[in-house]
Amino acid sequence: MSSVSGSAAGMPSGMTSASKTVGHHEHHWFREPTEPAPGSYVAWLLIAQFVFFVALLGPAIVGIGLKITKLVESGALPKDGAIGAAAVLGGVGALFATVANVVFGRLSDRTTSRWGRRRIWIVLGTVIMTFAFVIMAVAPSLLWATVGWALAQLGANMTLAPFIATVADQVPKFERGRITASLGIAQNLGILGGVYVAQWFQNQLIIMFVVPSILAIGAMLVFAFVLRDQVLPTKPERMDFRDWWETFWVSPVKFPDYALAWWSRFLITLASFMFTTLRFFYVNLHLHIKTEDVAAIISTSVLIYTAALVVSGYLAGWLSDKLGRRKVFVWGSTVMFAIGTVLLSFVDSVGGFFLLEAFLGIAYGIYVGVDLALVVDVLPNPDDSGKDLGVFNIANALPQTLAPVLTGILAYVGAYPNFTLVLWVAGAAALIGAVVIIPIKKVR
């Protein structure tokens, strides 16, 4: 990593320091970027996103199910405890993700290192995630698997909070739709890659969990090297209790557009992870696929989903920038996602499942192609973008805590497993998430 020093060193062009402190955190050290983002930054942003999500989401989507299945086979878990175990493991991990994303987003905003605000956290978090995956891979019990996943989520979100905050630091408004769409596509291609890695190495958990994460360390190191990271021109004031409390809070009264965008993200993420929690068991029990064939079915479904997402996401991001409109893409795609989620309850064949995965991929592609651009547009303060995006990421992480618990409860209502009830509740959540986008005024 190259060293950076001086009050304005490491700032992207178009961002100048304007250091002042007025009242309680009314400082403005940096302005929004106005020049195009550097090409090397954009390239490695996308590459690092892809490799990182290969490492993180393969374990999340398939690895957890495989680990729990192996614990059942070893006698460490009862046969009817698989979904409950997934709920516990996923819920605890997501709780760690929620706290870590906000805390390290705020810490990265206030980091005074000569290396910049974001770099150290981006690399350190990936290293922690890798060591945590070693624990998870060799865990002999649900307790140790949960410890491993919790630490992996802590490390992953130590990385992700400052990593995503660099978009607000580096990318001007007129490029955000295209670049955030590409970022969403890279993430979902990473998910696809992670699922295939999980399928190929489903009987070699060390390789499945750890090797992609080691590659993620390398990708994040290169990203940190090319990142023209911002350096704070002055040391921030010492944080008191109120400051730390506000780390987890952005006033919905002062910033209603931000609050509405927060609730929309919360609800569609809740809907998505309610299905993600039970996807392995949905394919296994609802579609009646043998356990050894589940990973292959999921890999194919994610391939179809991702192909649809890549096309729709890129087109949506490009068209959003051209038209200068965000809201219609976000609420329209969320309605589509709600419909597709409910329709999953009527599927009784692998072919029908694949067809709906394509529909959901189109819907979510449009969503990820535009939503992050909308979110960055409504951030309250460019100085606190890491913190504010961290608070916003609670809308990503908190549903991942709640979804496994809610899914576990609903699955046991009536005839176990009650997939129909789970999917209808998830669809209703997504539909409400579409409605709350409509009143946003700051963006069209």
Protein backbone atom coordinates (compact mmCIF):
# COMPACT_ATOMS: atom_id res chain seq x y z
CA MET A 1 0.00 0.00 0.00
CA SER A 2 1.28 3.44 -0.83
CA SER A 3 1.51 5.99 1.96
CA VAL A 4 -0.61 9.10 1.91
CA SER A 5 -0.07 12.24 3.98
CA GLY A 6 -1.10 15.86 4.10
CA SER A 7 -4.47 17.47 4.59
CA ALA A 8 -5.68 16.98 1.06
CA ALA A 9 -3.57 14.00 0.02
CA GLY A 10 -5.50 11.01 -1.20
CA MET A 11 -8.61 13.02 -2.01
CA PRO A 12 -10.23 12.22 -5.32
CA SER A 13 -10.38 15.13 -7.73
CA GLY A 14 -13.36 17.29 -7.06
CA MET A 15 -13.20 16.72 -3.29
CA THR A 16 -11.65 19.50 -1.25
CA SER A 17 -11.31 19.80 2.49
CA ALA A 18 -13.54 22.24 4.33
CA SER A 19 -12.65 21.54 7.94
CA LYS A 20 -14.93 23.00 10.57
CA THR A 21 -16.90 21.93 13.59
CA VAL A 22 -20.20 23.58 14.41
CA GLY A 23 -22.37 22.25 17.19
CA HIS A 24 -22.55 18.48 17.53
CA HIS A 25 -21.01 16.81 14.45
CA GLU A 26 -21.89 19.49 11.94
CA HIS A 27 -18.43 19.27 10.37
CA HIS A 28 -17.80 19.19 6.63
CA TRP A 29 -14.30 17.96 5.86
CA PHE A 30 -15.11 16.70 2.36
CA ARG A 31 -17.44 17.65 -0.44
CA GLU A 32 -19.18 15.32 -2.85
CA PRO A 33 -17.00 14.30 -5.82
CA THR A 34 -17.65 16.09 -9.10
CA GLU A 35 -15.06 14.45 -11.38
CA PRO A 36 -15.35 10.94 -12.86
CA ALA A 37 -14.08 8.17 -10.58
CA PRO A 38 -10.57 6.88 -11.45
CA GLY A 39 -10.64 3.89 -13.77
CA SER A 40 -8.30 1.82 -11.58
CA TYR A 41 -10.56 2.42 -8.59
CA VAL A 42 -13.67 1.30 -10.48
CA ALA A 43 -11.97 -1.79 -11.91
CA TRP A 44 -10.67 -3.02 -8.58
CA LEU A 45 -13.86 -2.04 -6.76
CA LEU A 46 -15.69 -4.53 -8.98
CA ILE A 47 -12.98 -7.21 -8.89
CA ALA A 48 -12.67 -7.04 -5.11
CA GLN A 49 -16.46 -7.11 -4.71
CA PHE A 50 -16.66 -10.23 -6.87
CA VAL A 51 -13.88 -12.15 -5.10
CA PHE A 52 -15.09 -11.09 -1.65
CA PHE A 53 -18.61 -12.34 -2.28
CA VAL A 54 -17.35 -15.63 -3.69
CA ALA A 55 -15.69 -16.05 -0.30
CA LEU A 56 -18.62 -14.85 1.82
CA LEU A 57 -21.82 -15.99 0.11
CA GLY A 58 -20.85 -19.53 -0.88
CA PRO A 59 -20.69 -20.39 2.82
CA ALA A 60 -23.83 -18.34 3.52
CA ILE A 61 -26.07 -19.89 0.84
CA VAL A 62 -24.83 -23.48 0.67
CA GLY A 63 -22.06 -23.89 3.24
CA ILE A 64 -24.25 -23.36 6.30
CA GLY A 65 -26.72 -25.98 5.07
CA LEU A 66 -23.90 -28.43 4.34
CA LYS A 67 -22.26 -27.80 7.72
CA ILE A 68 -25.54 -28.36 9.56
CA THR A 69 -26.23 -31.50 7.52
CA LYS A 70 -22.80 -32.88 8.49
CA LEU A 71 -23.48 -32.06 12.15
CA VAL A 72 -26.76 -33.99 11.89
CA GLU A 73 -24.98 -36.93 10.23
CA SER A 74 -22.35 -36.95 12.99
CA GLY A 75 -25.03 -37.01 15.67
CA ALA A 76 -24.16 -33.52 16.97
CA LEU A 77 -27.67 -32.34 16.02
CA PRO A 78 -31.06 -34.12 15.95
CA LYS A 79 -32.51 -34.86 12.52
CA ASP A 80 -35.50 -32.54 13.00
CA GLY A 81 -33.32 -29.69 14.27
CA ALA A 82 -31.77 -28.59 10.97
CA ILE A 83 -33.97 -25.55 10.24
CA GLY A 84 -33.84 -24.46 13.88
CA ALA A 85 -30.04 -24.74 13.84
CA ALA A 86 -29.88 -22.66 10.66
CA ALA A 87 -32.05 -20.04 12.36
CA VAL A 88 -29.74 -19.86 15.39
CA LEU A 89 -26.53 -19.76 13.39
CA GLY A 90 -27.80 -17.27 10.83
CA GLY A 91 -29.45 -15.04 13.41
CA VAL A 92 -26.39 -14.74 15.66
CA GLY A 93 -24.15 -14.08 12.68
CA ALA A 94 -26.42 -11.38 11.37
CA LEU A 95 -26.50 -9.69 14.79
CA PHE A 96 -22.72 -9.44 14.71
CA ALA A 97 -22.94 -8.12 11.14
CA THR A 98 -25.39 -5.41 12.20
CA VAL A 99 -23.22 -4.03 14.98
CA ALA A 100 -19.92 -4.41 13.13
CA ASN A 101 -21.07 -2.62 9.99
CA VAL A 102 -22.22 0.46 11.88
CA VAL A 103 -19.30 0.61 14.32
CA PHE A 104 -16.59 0.15 11.71
CA GLY A 105 -18.34 2.49 9.30
CA ARG A 106 -18.13 5.21 11.97
CA LEU A 107 -14.55 4.31 12.90
CA SER A 108 -13.48 4.48 9.27
CA ASP A 109 -15.02 7.97 8.99
CA ARG A 110 -12.87 9.09 11.91
CA THR A 111 -9.62 7.19 11.20
CA THR A 112 -6.65 9.56 11.07
CA SER A 113 -4.02 7.15 9.72
CA ARG A 114 -1.69 8.46 7.02
CA TRP A 115 -2.90 5.46 5.00
CA GLY A 116 -6.35 7.05 4.79
CA ARG A 117 -9.74 6.50 6.36
CA ARG A 118 -10.80 3.20 4.80
CA ARG A 119 -7.80 1.04 3.86
CA ILE A 120 -6.81 -0.50 7.18
CA TRP A 121 -10.34 -1.70 7.97
CA ILE A 122 -10.90 -3.12 4.49
CA VAL A 123 -7.84 -5.39 4.72
CA LEU A 124 -8.02 -6.24 8.45
CA GLY A 125 -11.67 -7.30 8.22
CA THR A 126 -10.96 -9.73 5.38
CA VAL A 127 -8.13 -11.33 7.38
CA ILE A 128 -10.43 -11.80 10.39
CA MET A 129 -13.12 -13.31 8.16
CA THR A 130 -10.61 -15.84 6.83
CA PHE A 131 -9.50 -17.02 10.28
CA ALA A 132 -13.17 -17.27 11.32
CA PHE A 133 -13.92 -19.56 8.38
CA VAL A 134 -11.21 -21.93 9.59
CA ILE A 135 -13.09 -22.20 12.89
CA MET A 136 -16.40 -22.78 11.12
CA ALA A 137 -15.01 -25.44 8.77
CA VAL A 138 -13.61 -27.61 11.58
CA ALA A 139 -16.32 -26.87 14.17
CA PRO A 140 -17.48 -30.08 15.91
CA SER A 141 -20.73 -28.59 17.21
CA LEU A 142 -23.40 -26.00 16.50
CA LEU A 143 -21.88 -23.79 19.20
CA TRP A 144 -18.48 -23.62 17.51
CA ALA A 145 -20.01 -23.27 14.05
CA THR A 146 -22.02 -20.33 15.36
CA VAL A 147 -18.88 -18.76 16.89
CA GLY A 148 -17.11 -19.11 13.56
CA TRP A 149 -19.97 -17.62 11.56
CA ALA A 150 -20.40 -14.74 14.03
CA LEU A 151 -16.70 -13.83 13.78
CA ALA A 152 -16.83 -14.20 9.99
CA GLN A 153 -19.72 -11.75 9.86
CA LEU A 154 -17.87 -9.36 12.15
CA GLY A 155 -14.80 -9.44 9.90
CA ALA A 156 -16.81 -9.27 6.68
CA ASN A 157 -18.68 -6.19 7.83
CA MET A 158 -15.52 -4.59 9.15
CA THR A 159 -14.49 -4.75 5.48
CA LEU A 160 -17.80 -3.96 3.81
CA ALA A 161 -18.69 -0.78 5.71
CA PRO A 162 -15.62 1.22 4.61
CA PHE A 163 -15.48 -0.57 1.25
CA ILE A 164 -18.98 0.60 0.26
CA ALA A 165 -18.35 4.02 1.80
CA THR A 166 -15.66 4.58 -0.84
CA VAL A 167 -18.50 4.86 -3.39
CA ALA A 168 -19.73 8.00 -1.64
CA ASP A 169 -16.12 9.21 -1.36
CA GLN A 170 -15.09 8.60 -4.97
CA VAL A 171 -18.11 8.42 -7.30
CA PRO A 172 -19.99 11.56 -8.50
CA LYS A 173 -23.76 11.54 -8.73
CA PHE A 174 -23.84 11.34 -12.53
CA GLU A 175 -21.94 8.00 -12.44
CA ARG A 176 -23.58 6.39 -9.44
CA GLY A 177 -26.30 4.49 -11.25
CA ARG A 178 -23.89 2.79 -13.64
CA ILE A 179 -21.19 2.05 -11.06
CA THR A 180 -23.51 0.88 -8.30
CA ALA A 181 -25.33 -1.30 -10.83
CA SER A 182 -21.99 -2.84 -11.80
CA LEU A 183 -21.19 -3.28 -8.10
CA GLY A 184 -24.48 -5.13 -7.57
CA ILE A 185 -23.77 -7.30 -10.60
CA ALA A 186 -20.25 -8.10 -9.33
CA GLN A 187 -21.73 -9.05 -5.96
CA ASN A 188 -24.23 -11.42 -7.50
CA LEU A 189 -21.65 -12.93 -9.84
CA GLY A 190 -19.62 -13.50 -6.68
CA ILE A 191 -22.60 -15.23 -5.10
CA LEU A 192 -22.86 -17.45 -8.17
CA GLY A 193 -19.17 -18.25 -8.01
CA GLY A 194 -19.43 -18.97 -4.31
CA VAL A 195 -22.31 -21.39 -4.84
CA TYR A 196 -20.33 -23.30 -7.47
CA VAL A 197 -17.27 -23.42 -5.21
CA ALA A 198 -19.53 -24.79 -2.46
CA GLN A 199 -20.91 -27.41 -4.84
CA TRP A 200 -17.47 -28.51 -6.11
CA PHE A 201 -15.98 -28.78 -2.62
CA GLN A 202 -19.04 -29.77 -0.59
CA ASN A 203 -17.13 -32.72 0.87
CA GLN A 204 -14.01 -30.64 1.60
CA LEU A 205 -15.21 -27.92 3.94
CA ILE A 206 -11.76 -26.48 4.62
CA ILE A 207 -11.26 -25.72 0.93
CA MET A 208 -14.83 -24.45 0.49
CA PHE A 209 -14.71 -22.05 3.44
CA VAL A 210 -11.07 -20.94 3.56
CA VAL A 211 -9.40 -20.89 0.12
CA PRO A 212 -11.76 -18.29 -1.50
CA SER A 213 -11.32 -16.10 1.59
CA ILE A 214 -7.54 -16.17 1.20
CA LEU A 215 -8.02 -14.97 -2.39
CA ALA A 216 -10.28 -12.20 -1.04
CA ILE A 217 -7.40 -10.96 1.13
CA GLY A 218 -5.29 -10.57 -2.01
CA ALA A 219 -8.04 -8.74 -3.91
CA MET A 220 -8.65 -6.31 -1.04
CA LEU A 221 -4.91 -5.64 -0.71
CA VAL A 222 -4.75 -4.61 -4.37
CA PHE A 223 -7.91 -2.49 -3.99
CA ALA A 224 -6.40 -0.75 -0.96
CA PHE A 225 -3.24 -0.04 -2.98
CA VAL A 226 -5.05 1.64 -5.90
CA LEU A 227 -7.60 3.46 -3.70
CA ARG A 228 -6.88 7.20 -3.49
CA ASP A 229 -8.13 7.20 0.06
CA GLN A 230 -9.10 10.39 1.85
CA VAL A 231 -6.98 11.57 4.77
CA LEU A 232 -8.64 13.62 7.48
CA PRO A 233 -7.21 17.16 7.55
CA THR A 234 -7.60 17.35 11.33
CA LYS A 235 -8.17 14.98 14.25
CA PRO A 236 -11.89 14.65 15.08
CA GLU A 237 -13.16 15.61 18.51
CA ARG A 238 -13.23 12.83 21.10
CA MET A 239 -16.50 10.90 20.93
CA ASP A 240 -18.72 10.94 24.02
CA PHE A 241 -21.64 8.63 24.89
CA ARG A 242 -24.05 10.65 22.76
CA ASP A 243 -21.73 10.37 19.78
CA TRP A 244 -21.55 6.59 20.11
CA TRP A 245 -25.31 6.37 20.49
CA GLU A 246 -25.74 8.46 17.33
CA THR A 247 -23.43 6.02 15.55
CA PHE A 248 -26.50 3.76 15.36
CA TRP A 249 -28.97 6.50 14.51
CA VAL A 250 -29.95 8.95 11.79
CA SER A 251 -32.95 11.12 12.63
CA PRO A 252 -35.98 10.13 10.53
CA VAL A 253 -37.50 13.52 11.31
CA LYS A 254 -34.55 15.51 9.95
CA PHE A 255 -33.89 13.08 7.08
CA PRO A 256 -37.22 11.46 6.09
CA ASP A 257 -36.04 10.37 2.62
CA TYR A 258 -33.17 8.46 4.20
CA ALA A 259 -35.60 6.84 6.67
CA LEU A 260 -38.00 5.75 3.93
CA ALA A 261 -35.15 4.27 1.89
CA TRP A 262 -33.98 2.49 5.06
CA TRP A 263 -37.36 0.85 5.60
CA SER A 264 -37.64 -0.21 1.98
CA ARG A 265 -34.24 -1.92 2.13
CA PHE A 266 -35.13 -3.53 5.46
CA LEU A 267 -38.34 -5.06 4.11
CA ILE A 268 -37.01 -6.41 0.81
CA THR A 269 -33.97 -7.83 2.61
CA LEU A 270 -36.26 -9.50 5.15
CA ALA A 271 -38.26 -11.01 2.29
CA SER A 272 -35.15 -12.19 0.47
CA PHE A 273 -33.49 -13.79 3.50
CA MET A 274 -36.65 -15.50 4.66
CA PHE A 275 -36.31 -17.58 1.51
CA THR A 276 -32.51 -17.75 1.64
CA THR A 277 -32.73 -19.24 5.15
CA LEU A 278 -34.79 -22.17 3.91
CA ARG A 279 -33.61 -22.42 0.27
CA PHE A 280 -31.54 -25.56 0.97
CA PHE A 281 -34.46 -27.20 2.78
CA TYR A 282 -37.04 -25.88 0.29
CA VAL A 283 -35.23 -27.69 -2.52
CA ASN A 284 -34.67 -30.76 -0.35
CA LEU A 285 -38.13 -31.11 1.24
CA HIS A 286 -40.56 -29.09 -0.90
CA LEU A 287 -39.18 -30.12 -4.30
CA HIS A 288 -38.23 -33.59 -2.97
CA ILE A 289 -34.60 -33.49 -4.15
CA LYS A 290 -32.09 -35.89 -2.58
CA THR A 291 -29.66 -34.21 -0.18
CA GLU A 292 -26.63 -35.04 -2.33
CA ASP A 293 -28.27 -33.34 -5.34
CA VAL A 294 -29.42 -30.16 -3.58
CA ALA A 295 -26.18 -28.20 -4.10
CA ALA A 296 -26.31 -28.85 -7.86
CA ILE A 297 -29.94 -27.66 -8.10
CA ILE A 298 -29.13 -24.53 -6.10
CA SER A 299 -26.07 -23.83 -8.27
CA THR A 300 -28.16 -24.02 -11.44
CA SER A 301 -30.91 -21.86 -9.95
CA VAL A 302 -28.40 -19.21 -8.85
CA LEU A 303 -26.82 -19.30 -12.32
CA ILE A 304 -30.22 -18.59 -13.91
CA TYR A 305 -31.01 -15.93 -11.30
CA THR A 306 -27.63 -14.23 -11.77
CA ALA A 307 -27.79 -14.25 -15.58
CA ALA A 308 -31.16 -12.50 -15.43
CA LEU A 309 -29.87 -10.10 -12.76
CA VAL A 310 -26.75 -9.11 -14.70
CA VAL A 311 -28.71 -8.08 -17.78
CA SER A 312 -31.54 -6.29 -15.97
CA GLY A 313 -29.21 -4.66 -13.42
CA TYR A 314 -26.87 -3.17 -15.99
CA LEU A 315 -29.73 -1.86 -18.13
CA ALA A 316 -31.54 -0.42 -15.11
CA GLY A 317 -28.44 1.40 -13.81
CA TRP A 318 -27.62 2.83 -17.23
CA LEU A 319 -31.22 3.90 -17.87
CA SER A 320 -31.54 5.42 -14.40
CA ASP A 321 -28.53 7.68 -15.01
CA LYS A 322 -29.82 8.64 -18.46
CA LEU A 323 -33.33 9.49 -17.25
CA GLY A 324 -32.24 10.93 -13.90
CA ARG A 325 -34.85 8.77 -12.18
CA ARG A 326 -34.44 6.28 -9.33
CA LYS A 327 -37.73 5.73 -7.52
CA VAL A 328 -39.78 4.11 -10.27
CA PHE A 329 -37.09 1.47 -10.81
CA VAL A 330 -36.82 0.69 -7.10
CA TRP A 331 -40.50 0.42 -6.20
CA GLY A 332 -41.43 -1.31 -9.46
CA SER A 333 -38.76 -3.99 -9.05
CA THR A 334 -39.74 -4.52 -5.41
CA VAL A 335 -43.34 -5.21 -6.43
CA MET A 336 -42.06 -7.75 -8.96
CA PHE A 337 -39.95 -9.39 -6.27
CA ALA A 338 -42.96 -9.64 -3.95
CA ILE A 339 -45.00 -11.38 -6.65
CA GLY A 340 -42.21 -13.83 -7.48
CA THR A 341 -41.68 -14.72 -3.83
CA VAL A 342 -45.34 -15.60 -3.33
CA LEU A 343 -45.40 -17.65 -6.54
CA LEU A 344 -42.63 -19.87 -5.13
CA SER A 345 -45.25 -21.38 -2.83
CA PHE A 346 -47.10 -22.77 -5.87
CA VAL A 347 -44.05 -24.38 -7.48
CA ASP A 348 -43.88 -28.17 -7.38
CA SER A 349 -41.16 -28.91 -9.93
CA VAL A 350 -37.52 -28.04 -10.51
CA GLY A 351 -38.42 -26.51 -13.89
CA GLY A 352 -40.96 -24.19 -12.30
CA PHE A 353 -38.43 -23.25 -9.64
CA PHE A 354 -35.87 -22.33 -12.29
CA LEU A 355 -38.46 -20.23 -14.16
CA LEU A 356 -39.29 -18.23 -11.05
CA GLU A 357 -35.61 -17.78 -10.24
CA ALA A 358 -35.27 -16.05 -13.63
CA PHE A 359 -38.21 -13.77 -12.82
CA LEU A 360 -36.81 -12.97 -9.37
CA GLY A 361 -33.38 -12.34 -10.93
CA ILE A 362 -34.85 -9.75 -13.30
CA ALA A 363 -36.66 -8.06 -10.41
CA TYR A 364 -33.71 -8.01 -8.06
CA GLY A 365 -31.37 -6.97 -10.86
CA ILE A 366 -33.40 -3.83 -11.47
CA TYR A 367 -33.43 -3.23 -7.72
CA VAL A 368 -29.67 -3.58 -7.14
CA GLY A 369 -29.00 -1.63 -10.32
CA VAL A 370 -30.57 1.51 -8.89
CA ASP A 371 -31.16 1.21 -5.14
CA LEU A 372 -27.61 1.96 -3.92
CA ALA A 373 -27.49 5.04 -6.16
CA LEU A 374 -30.75 6.21 -4.58
CA VAL A 375 -29.36 5.56 -1.11
CA VAL A 376 -26.15 7.52 -1.73
CA ASP A 377 -28.25 10.37 -3.17
CA VAL A 378 -30.15 10.71 0.15
CA LEU A 379 -27.17 10.44 2.56
CA PRO A 380 -27.27 13.31 5.08
CA ASN A 381 -23.55 14.27 5.20
CA PRO A 382 -20.56 13.28 2.98
CA ASP A 383 -18.23 13.45 5.99
CA ASP A 384 -20.19 10.70 7.74
CA SER A 385 -20.87 8.51 4.72
CA GLY A 386 -19.26 5.49 6.39
CA LYS A 387 -21.40 5.92 9.50
CA ASP A 388 -24.58 6.74 7.59
CA LEU A 389 -24.09 3.81 5.22
CA GLY A 390 -23.37 1.70 8.31
CA VAL A 391 -26.67 2.76 9.84
CA PHE A 392 -28.29 2.05 6.50
CA ASN A 393 -26.69 -1.39 6.48
CA ILE A 394 -28.65 -2.18 9.64
CA ALA A 395 -31.49 -2.45 7.12
CA ASN A 396 -29.41 -5.19 5.44
CA ALA A 397 -28.11 -6.95 8.54
CA LEU A 398 -30.99 -6.73 11.03
CA PRO A 399 -33.41 -8.59 8.72
CA GLN A 400 -30.76 -11.29 8.41
CA THR A 401 -31.02 -11.64 12.19
CA LEU A 402 -34.80 -11.61 12.20
CA ALA A 403 -35.42 -13.63 9.03
CA PRO A 404 -34.02 -16.95 10.31
CA VAL A 405 -35.95 -16.60 13.57
CA LEU A 406 -39.19 -15.59 11.86
CA THR A 407 -38.75 -18.28 9.22
CA GLY A 408 -38.08 -20.89 11.90
CA ILE A 409 -41.26 -19.93 13.77
CA LEU A 410 -43.48 -19.81 10.68
CA ALA A 411 -42.09 -23.09 9.34
CA TYR A 412 -43.41 -24.87 12.44
CA VAL A 413 -46.92 -23.33 12.26
CA GLY A 414 -49.32 -26.02 11.09
CA ALA A 415 -47.79 -28.86 9.10
CA TYR A 416 -43.96 -28.75 9.28
CA PRO A 417 -42.32 -27.35 7.19
CA ASN A 418 -44.91 -24.68 6.29
CA PHE A 419 -43.12 -23.15 3.31
CA THR A 420 -46.35 -21.55 2.03
CA LEU A 421 -46.81 -19.38 5.12
CA VAL A 422 -43.16 -18.32 5.08
CA LEU A 423 -43.29 -17.26 1.42
CA TRP A 424 -46.57 -15.35 1.71
CA VAL A 425 -45.30 -13.37 4.70
CA ALA A 426 -42.07 -12.66 2.80
CA GLY A 427 -44.04 -11.46 -0.24
CA ALA A 428 -46.15 -9.14 1.92
CA ALA A 429 -42.99 -7.63 3.46
CA ALA A 430 -41.54 -6.92 0.00
CA LEU A 431 -44.78 -5.30 -1.16
CA ILE A 432 -44.77 -2.90 1.80
CA GLY A 433 -41.12 -2.17 0.97
CA ALA A 434 -42.23 -0.99 -2.47
CA VAL A 435 -44.93 1.30 -1.07
CA VAL A 436 -42.60 3.21 1.29
CA ILE A 437 -40.35 4.28 -1.61
CA ILE A 438 -43.10 6.35 -3.22
CA PRO A 439 -43.05 9.34 -0.78
CA ILE A 440 -39.29 9.98 -1.17
CA LYS A 441 -38.82 13.53 -2.48
CA LYS A 442 -35.07 14.14 -2.74
CA VAL A 443 -34.70 11.94 -5.82
CA ARG A 444 -37.04 11.48 -8.74
